[in-house]
Amino acid sequence: MPARTRTAKLAGADLSTHPRLLVNPVACTGHGVCAELLPELVTLDEWGYPIVDDAPVPGSLTRQARRAVRDCPALALLLTDPGGTP
């Protein structure tokens, strides 16, 4: 599902208290683990690098987002505080 479609589906909910998933493009080495663990929010470009949905992480996906951050081999993912700070 394209990122814009996923964002549109989440737009109706109040997600201001939910964290956001960020990727450090310099640290990322394109393993693709994040997309395997969290396909609802992460897709891969043609070179295997992540494209992260800009929408807040819904509560139902917080556990999977934390796992993706923890399991990233390049430590290139970050889950922000609900207020938006890393």
Protein backbone atom coordinates (compact mmCIF):
# COMPACT_ATOMS: atom_id res chain seq x y z
CA MET A 1 0.00 0.00 0.00
CA PRO A 2 1.51 3.39 -0.96
CA ALA A 3 2.61 5.69 1.88
CA ARG A 4 0.06 8.35 0.93
CA THR A 5 -2.78 5.85 1.19
CA ARG A 6 -1.62 4.64 4.59
CA THR A 7 -1.25 8.23 5.79
CA ALA A 8 -4.74 9.07 4.58
CA LYS A 9 -6.20 6.13 6.50
CA LEU A 10 -4.48 7.28 9.67
CA ALA A 11 -5.42 10.94 9.20
CA GLY A 12 -8.86 10.51 10.71
CA ALA A 13 -7.47 9.33 14.06
CA ASP A 14 -5.89 11.57 16.69
CA LEU A 15 -2.33 10.30 16.53
CA SER A 16 -0.62 13.38 18.00
CA THR A 17 0.28 11.34 21.07
CA HIS A 18 1.95 8.59 19.04
CA PRO A 19 5.65 8.32 18.18
CA ARG A 20 7.08 8.67 14.68
CA LEU A 21 9.55 6.36 12.98
CA LEU A 22 12.60 8.06 11.50
CA VAL A 23 15.45 6.70 9.39
CA ASN A 24 19.01 8.05 9.27
CA PRO A 25 19.80 7.83 5.55
CA VAL A 26 23.53 8.18 6.16
CA ALA A 27 23.65 5.25 8.59
CA CYS A 28 21.30 3.02 6.59
CA THR A 29 22.99 0.31 4.54
CA GLY A 30 19.86 -1.06 2.88
CA HIS A 31 19.46 -4.44 4.58
CA GLY A 32 15.66 -4.15 4.39
CA VAL A 33 14.98 -5.65 7.81
CA CYS A 34 12.75 -2.69 8.70
CA ALA A 35 10.47 -3.32 5.73
CA GLU A 36 10.20 -7.00 6.60
CA LEU A 37 9.30 -6.27 10.22
CA LEU A 38 7.07 -3.24 9.59
CA PRO A 39 5.64 -3.33 6.06
CA GLU A 40 2.70 -1.18 7.15
CA LEU A 41 5.00 1.85 7.53
CA VAL A 42 8.16 1.04 5.59
CA THR A 43 8.64 0.28 1.90
CA LEU A 44 11.89 -0.09 0.00
CA ASP A 45 13.06 1.92 -2.97
CA GLU A 46 14.58 0.29 -6.05
CA TRP A 47 18.00 0.07 -4.31
CA GLY A 48 16.64 -1.51 -1.14
CA TYR A 49 16.69 1.61 1.04
CA PRO A 50 13.69 2.37 3.26
CA ILE A 51 10.97 4.87 2.53
CA VAL A 52 9.32 5.54 5.87
CA ASP A 53 5.72 6.69 6.10
CA ASP A 54 5.62 10.14 7.72
CA ALA A 55 2.47 9.36 9.70
CA PRO A 56 2.64 8.74 13.44
CA VAL A 57 2.99 5.11 14.42
CA PRO A 58 -0.42 3.82 15.49
CA GLY A 59 -0.62 2.18 18.89
CA SER A 60 -1.33 -1.17 17.26
CA LEU A 61 2.07 -1.02 15.50
CA THR A 62 4.21 0.41 18.30
CA ARG A 63 5.53 -2.99 19.35
CA GLN A 64 6.55 -3.85 15.76
CA ALA A 65 8.14 -0.40 15.34
CA ARG A 66 10.23 -0.89 18.48
CA ARG A 67 11.34 -4.28 17.21
CA ALA A 68 12.34 -2.80 13.83
CA VAL A 69 14.40 -0.13 15.61
CA ARG A 70 16.03 -2.72 17.86
CA ASP A 71 16.77 -5.19 15.05
CA CYS A 72 18.11 -2.72 12.47
CA PRO A 73 21.64 -4.02 11.69
CA ALA A 74 22.90 -0.49 10.90
CA LEU A 75 21.13 1.15 13.89
CA ALA A 76 19.61 3.59 11.40
CA LEU A 77 16.06 3.70 12.79
CA LEU A 78 14.73 5.89 15.57
CA LEU A 79 11.36 5.99 17.26
CA THR A 80 10.59 9.51 18.54
CA ASP A 81 8.79 10.39 21.74
CA PRO A 82 5.08 11.04 21.28
CA GLY A 83 5.85 14.77 21.51
CA GLY A 84 8.11 14.43 18.46
CA THR A 85 11.56 14.55 20.07
CA PRO A 86 14.07 11.75 19.47
